[in-house]
Amino acid sequence: MEITKLADFGIIGIVLSYFIWKDMKTFDTFKVSMREIVNELKALNSRIEKLEDNYKE
């Protein structure tokens, strides 16, 4: 069921649509934040590997 179809159920449908939409936006924000953290950890891991390689030489 699409979120816009919930509006057909009146006030309760509109309120429910709002909370579902809000949860979707919160999840999108969380997903973007986690992606940024993973990218930073990958970059940090690369730097650590380079330092370890330089130390071995």
PDB file of N, CA and C in Angstrom:
ATOM      1  N   MET A   1       0.846  -1.175   0.000  1.00  0.00           N
ATOM      2  CA  MET A   1       0.000   0.000   0.000  1.00  0.00           C
ATOM      3  C   MET A   1       0.891   1.238   0.000  1.00  0.00           C
ATOM      4  N   GLU A   2       0.570   2.175  -0.840  1.00  0.00           N
ATOM      5  CA  GLU A   2       1.326   3.418  -0.884  1.00  0.00           C
ATOM      6  C   GLU A   2       0.919   4.311   0.286  1.00  0.00           C
ATOM      7  N   ILE A   3       1.844   5.107   0.702  1.00  0.00           N
ATOM      8  CA  ILE A   3       1.564   6.003   1.832  1.00  0.00           C
ATOM      9  C   ILE A   3       0.446   6.979   1.478  1.00  0.00           C
ATOM     10  N   THR A   4       0.417   7.448   0.236  1.00  0.00           N
ATOM     11  CA  THR A   4      -0.612   8.414  -0.154  1.00  0.00           C
ATOM     12  C   THR A   4      -2.009   7.812  -0.081  1.00  0.00           C
ATOM     13  N   LYS A   5      -2.124   6.509  -0.211  1.00  0.00           N
ATOM     14  CA  LYS A   5      -3.434   5.848  -0.125  1.00  0.00           C
ATOM     15  C   LYS A   5      -3.988   5.899   1.295  1.00  0.00           C
ATOM     16  N   LEU A   6      -3.118   6.041   2.289  1.00  0.00           N
ATOM     17  CA  LEU A   6      -3.584   6.100   3.676  1.00  0.00           C
ATOM     18  C   LEU A   6      -4.436   7.335   3.933  1.00  0.00           C
ATOM     19  N   ALA A   7      -4.211   8.395   3.153  1.00  0.00           N
ATOM     20  CA  ALA A   7      -4.988   9.621   3.326  1.00  0.00           C
ATOM     21  C   ALA A   7      -6.467   9.378   3.042  1.00  0.00           C
ATOM     22  N   ASP A   8      -6.785   8.337   2.293  1.00  0.00           N
ATOM     23  CA  ASP A   8      -8.182   7.999   2.009  1.00  0.00           C
ATOM     24  C   ASP A   8      -8.928   7.577   3.274  1.00  0.00           C
ATOM     25  N   PHE A   9      -8.207   7.253   4.352  1.00  0.00           N
ATOM     26  CA  PHE A   9      -8.830   6.810   5.593  1.00  0.00           C
ATOM     27  C   PHE A   9      -9.088   7.963   6.563  1.00  0.00           C
ATOM     28  N   GLY A  10      -8.998   9.179   6.087  1.00  0.00           N
ATOM     29  CA  GLY A  10      -9.322  10.338   6.919  1.00  0.00           C
ATOM     30  C   GLY A  10      -8.159  10.769   7.794  1.00  0.00           C
ATOM     31  N   ILE A  11      -8.503  11.386   8.923  1.00  0.00           N
ATOM     32  CA  ILE A  11      -7.509  11.954   9.835  1.00  0.00           C
ATOM     33  C   ILE A  11      -6.531  10.887  10.314  1.00  0.00           C
ATOM     34  N   ILE A  12      -7.035   9.733  10.695  1.00  0.00           N
ATOM     35  CA  ILE A  12      -6.150   8.669  11.186  1.00  0.00           C
ATOM     36  C   ILE A  12      -5.164   8.253  10.101  1.00  0.00           C
ATOM     37  N   GLY A  13      -5.633   8.149   8.872  1.00  0.00           N
ATOM     38  CA  GLY A  13      -4.751   7.803   7.760  1.00  0.00           C
ATOM     39  C   GLY A  13      -3.695   8.864   7.516  1.00  0.00           C
ATOM     40  N   ILE A  14      -4.096  10.130   7.639  1.00  0.00           N
ATOM     41  CA  ILE A  14      -3.146  11.231   7.439  1.00  0.00           C
ATOM     42  C   ILE A  14      -2.088  11.221   8.537  1.00  0.00           C
ATOM     43  N   VAL A  15      -2.516  11.026   9.779  1.00  0.00           N
ATOM     44  CA  VAL A  15      -1.570  10.980  10.898  1.00  0.00           C
ATOM     45  C   VAL A  15      -0.616   9.799  10.728  1.00  0.00           C
ATOM     46  N   LEU A  16      -1.156   8.644  10.375  1.00  0.00           N
ATOM     47  CA  LEU A  16      -0.323   7.466  10.152  1.00  0.00           C
ATOM     48  C   LEU A  16       0.657   7.707   9.006  1.00  0.00           C
ATOM     49  N   SER A  17       0.191   8.352   7.937  1.00  0.00           N
ATOM     50  CA  SER A  17       1.066   8.680   6.802  1.00  0.00           C
ATOM     51  C   SER A  17       2.226   9.552   7.252  1.00  0.00           C
ATOM     52  N   TYR A  18       1.921  10.543   8.109  1.00  0.00           N
ATOM     53  CA  TYR A  18       2.966  11.438   8.597  1.00  0.00           C
ATOM     54  C   TYR A  18       4.038  10.665   9.368  1.00  0.00           C
ATOM     55  N   PHE A  19       3.608   9.785  10.276  1.00  0.00           N
ATOM     56  CA  PHE A  19       4.581   9.048  11.081  1.00  0.00           C
ATOM     57  C   PHE A  19       5.396   8.073  10.238  1.00  0.00           C
ATOM     58  N   ILE A  20       4.775   7.456   9.258  1.00  0.00           N
ATOM     59  CA  ILE A  20       5.525   6.563   8.360  1.00  0.00           C
ATOM     60  C   ILE A  20       6.535   7.375   7.565  1.00  0.00           C
ATOM     61  N   TRP A  21       6.105   8.538   7.045  1.00  0.00           N
ATOM     62  CA  TRP A  21       7.009   9.397   6.280  1.00  0.00           C
ATOM     63  C   TRP A  21       8.169   9.858   7.158  1.00  0.00           C
ATOM     64  N   LYS A  22       7.861  10.242   8.402  1.00  0.00           N
ATOM     65  CA  LYS A  22       8.892  10.708   9.335  1.00  0.00           C
ATOM     66  C   LYS A  22       9.902   9.597   9.613  1.00  0.00           C
ATOM     67  N   ASP A  23       9.414   8.373   9.826  1.00  0.00           N
ATOM     68  CA  ASP A  23      10.314   7.239  10.052  1.00  0.00           C
ATOM     69  C   ASP A  23      11.193   6.975   8.838  1.00  0.00           C
ATOM     70  N   MET A  24      10.621   7.119   7.641  1.00  0.00           N
ATOM     71  CA  MET A  24      11.414   6.904   6.423  1.00  0.00           C
ATOM     72  C   MET A  24      12.525   7.944   6.330  1.00  0.00           C
ATOM     73  N   LYS A  25      12.224   9.192   6.649  1.00  0.00           N
ATOM     74  CA  LYS A  25      13.235  10.257   6.599  1.00  0.00           C
ATOM     75  C   LYS A  25      14.317  10.013   7.649  1.00  0.00           C
ATOM     76  N   THR A  26      13.910   9.575   8.839  1.00  0.00           N
ATOM     77  CA  THR A  26      14.876   9.276   9.896  1.00  0.00           C
ATOM     78  C   THR A  26      15.793   8.145   9.460  1.00  0.00           C
ATOM     79  N   PHE A  27      15.233   7.115   8.842  1.00  0.00           N
ATOM     80  CA  PHE A  27      16.035   5.994   8.369  1.00  0.00           C
ATOM     81  C   PHE A  27      16.998   6.439   7.282  1.00  0.00           C
ATOM     82  N   ASP A  28      16.542   7.305   6.358  1.00  0.00           N
ATOM     83  CA  ASP A  28      17.430   7.806   5.307  1.00  0.00           C
ATOM     84  C   ASP A  28      18.600   8.572   5.909  1.00  0.00           C
ATOM     85  N   THR A  29      18.325   9.408   6.907  1.00  0.00           N
ATOM     86  CA  THR A  29      19.386  10.158   7.581  1.00  0.00           C
ATOM     87  C   THR A  29      20.366   9.209   8.255  1.00  0.00           C
ATOM     88  N   PHE A  30      19.851   8.186   8.926  1.00  0.00           N
ATOM     89  CA  PHE A  30      20.684   7.184   9.586  1.00  0.00           C
ATOM     90  C   PHE A  30      21.546   6.444   8.563  1.00  0.00           C
ATOM     91  N   LYS A  31      20.946   6.083   7.439  1.00  0.00           N
ATOM     92  CA  LYS A  31      21.663   5.350   6.398  1.00  0.00           C
ATOM     93  C   LYS A  31      22.813   6.185   5.832  1.00  0.00           C
ATOM     94  N   VAL A  32      22.558   7.462   5.586  1.00  0.00           N
ATOM     95  CA  VAL A  32      23.602   8.354   5.064  1.00  0.00           C
ATOM     96  C   VAL A  32      24.719   8.511   6.092  1.00  0.00           C
ATOM     97  N   SER A  33      24.357   8.677   7.355  1.00  0.00           N
ATOM     98  CA  SER A  33      25.362   8.821   8.413  1.00  0.00           C
ATOM     99  C   SER A  33      26.227   7.572   8.525  1.00  0.00           C
ATOM    100  N   MET A  34      25.603   6.412   8.483  1.00  0.00           N
ATOM    101  CA  MET A  34      26.352   5.152   8.573  1.00  0.00           C
ATOM    102  C   MET A  34      27.277   4.984   7.372  1.00  0.00           C
ATOM    103  N   ARG A  35      26.808   5.385   6.192  1.00  0.00           N
ATOM    104  CA  ARG A  35      27.638   5.297   4.989  1.00  0.00           C
ATOM    105  C   ARG A  35      28.872   6.187   5.133  1.00  0.00           C
ATOM    106  N   GLU A  36      28.695   7.394   5.672  1.00  0.00           N
ATOM    107  CA  GLU A  36      29.826   8.298   5.880  1.00  0.00           C
ATOM    108  C   GLU A  36      30.811   7.717   6.885  1.00  0.00           C
ATOM    109  N   ILE A  37      30.307   7.121   7.952  1.00  0.00           N
ATOM    110  CA  ILE A  37      31.184   6.509   8.956  1.00  0.00           C
ATOM    111  C   ILE A  37      31.965   5.357   8.349  1.00  0.00           C
ATOM    112  N   VAL A  38      31.302   4.522   7.554  1.00  0.00           N
ATOM    113  CA  VAL A  38      31.984   3.395   6.907  1.00  0.00           C
ATOM    114  C   VAL A  38      33.073   3.905   5.974  1.00  0.00           C
ATOM    115  N   ASN A  39      32.792   4.950   5.216  1.00  0.00           N
ATOM    116  CA  ASN A  39      33.800   5.511   4.312  1.00  0.00           C
ATOM    117  C   ASN A  39      35.000   6.049   5.085  1.00  0.00           C
ATOM    118  N   GLU A  40      34.743   6.706   6.210  1.00  0.00           N
ATOM    119  CA  GLU A  40      35.842   7.211   7.032  1.00  0.00           C
ATOM    120  C   GLU A  40      36.669   6.067   7.612  1.00  0.00           C
ATOM    121  N   LEU A  41      36.002   5.001   8.036  1.00  0.00           N
ATOM    122  CA  LEU A  41      36.727   3.841   8.569  1.00  0.00           C
ATOM    123  C   LEU A  41      37.559   3.162   7.487  1.00  0.00           C
ATOM    124  N   LYS A  42      37.037   3.090   6.275  1.00  0.00           N
ATOM    125  CA  LYS A  42      37.807   2.509   5.166  1.00  0.00           C
ATOM    126  C   LYS A  42      39.052   3.342   4.892  1.00  0.00           C
ATOM    127  N   ALA A  43      38.890   4.666   4.896  1.00  0.00           N
ATOM    128  CA  ALA A  43      40.033   5.548   4.664  1.00  0.00           C
ATOM    129  C   ALA A  43      41.059   5.395   5.783  1.00  0.00           C
ATOM    130  N   LEU A  44      40.597   5.306   7.008  1.00  0.00           N
ATOM    131  CA  LEU A  44      41.493   5.119   8.148  1.00  0.00           C
ATOM    132  C   LEU A  44      42.218   3.788   8.047  1.00  0.00           C
ATOM    133  N   ASN A  45      41.516   2.752   7.655  1.00  0.00           N
ATOM    134  CA  ASN A  45      42.120   1.436   7.492  1.00  0.00           C
ATOM    135  C   ASN A  45      43.204   1.465   6.413  1.00  0.00           C
ATOM    136  N   SER A  46      42.946   2.178   5.324  1.00  0.00           N
ATOM    137  CA  SER A  46      43.949   2.302   4.260  1.00  0.00           C
ATOM    138  C   SER A  46      45.205   2.992   4.773  1.00  0.00           C
ATOM    139  N   ARG A  47      45.016   4.060   5.557  1.00  0.00           N
ATOM    140  CA  ARG A  47      46.170   4.765   6.115  1.00  0.00           C
ATOM    141  C   ARG A  47      46.957   3.873   7.068  1.00  0.00           C
ATOM    142  N   ILE A  48      46.255   3.091   7.868  1.00  0.00           N
ATOM    143  CA  ILE A  48      46.931   2.178   8.799  1.00  0.00           C
ATOM    144  C   ILE A  48      47.728   1.135   8.029  1.00  0.00           C
ATOM    145  N   GLU A  49      47.134   0.587   6.967  1.00  0.00           N
ATOM    146  CA  GLU A  49      47.844  -0.408   6.154  1.00  0.00           C
ATOM    147  C   GLU A  49      49.099   0.189   5.526  1.00  0.00           C
ATOM    148  N   LYS A  50      49.010   1.434   5.050  1.00  0.00           N
ATOM    149  CA  LYS A  50      50.181   2.091   4.465  1.00  0.00           C
ATOM    150  C   LYS A  50      51.269   2.285   5.515  1.00  0.00           C
ATOM    151  N   LEU A  51      50.872   2.699   6.713  1.00  0.00           N
ATOM    152  CA  LEU A  51      51.853   2.876   7.780  1.00  0.00           C
ATOM    153  C   LEU A  51      52.502   1.549   8.158  1.00  0.00           C
ATOM    154  N   GLU A  52      51.711   0.486   8.203  1.00  0.00           N
ATOM    155  CA  GLU A  52      52.262  -0.836   8.516  1.00  0.00           C
ATOM    156  C   GLU A  52      53.232  -1.289   7.432  1.00  0.00           C
ATOM    157  N   ASP A  53      52.882  -1.034   6.174  1.00  0.00           N
ATOM    158  CA  ASP A  53      53.775  -1.400   5.070  1.00  0.00           C
ATOM    159  C   ASP A  53      55.081  -0.617   5.141  1.00  0.00           C
ATOM    160  N   ASN A  54      54.998   0.677   5.453  1.00  0.00           N
ATOM    161  CA  ASN A  54      56.202   1.493   5.579  1.00  0.00           C
ATOM    162  C   ASN A  54      57.053   1.039   6.759  1.00  0.00           C
ATOM    163  N   TYR A  55      56.414   0.615   7.822  1.00  0.00           N
ATOM    164  CA  TYR A  55      57.136   0.153   9.005  1.00  0.00           C
ATOM    165  C   TYR A  55      57.887  -1.147   8.714  1.00  0.00           C
ATOM    166  N   LYS A  56      57.284  -2.016   7.903  1.00  0.00           N
ATOM    167  CA  LYS A  56      57.907  -3.296   7.557  1.00  0.00           C
ATOM    168  C   LYS A  56      59.152  -3.094   6.696  1.00  0.00           C
ATOM    169  N   GLU A  57      59.141  -2.043   5.891  1.00  0.00           N
ATOM    170  CA  GLU A  57      60.286  -1.776   5.000  1.00  0.00           C
ATOM    171  C   GLU A  57      61.384  -1.176   5.794  1.00  0.00           C
TER     172      GLU A  57
END
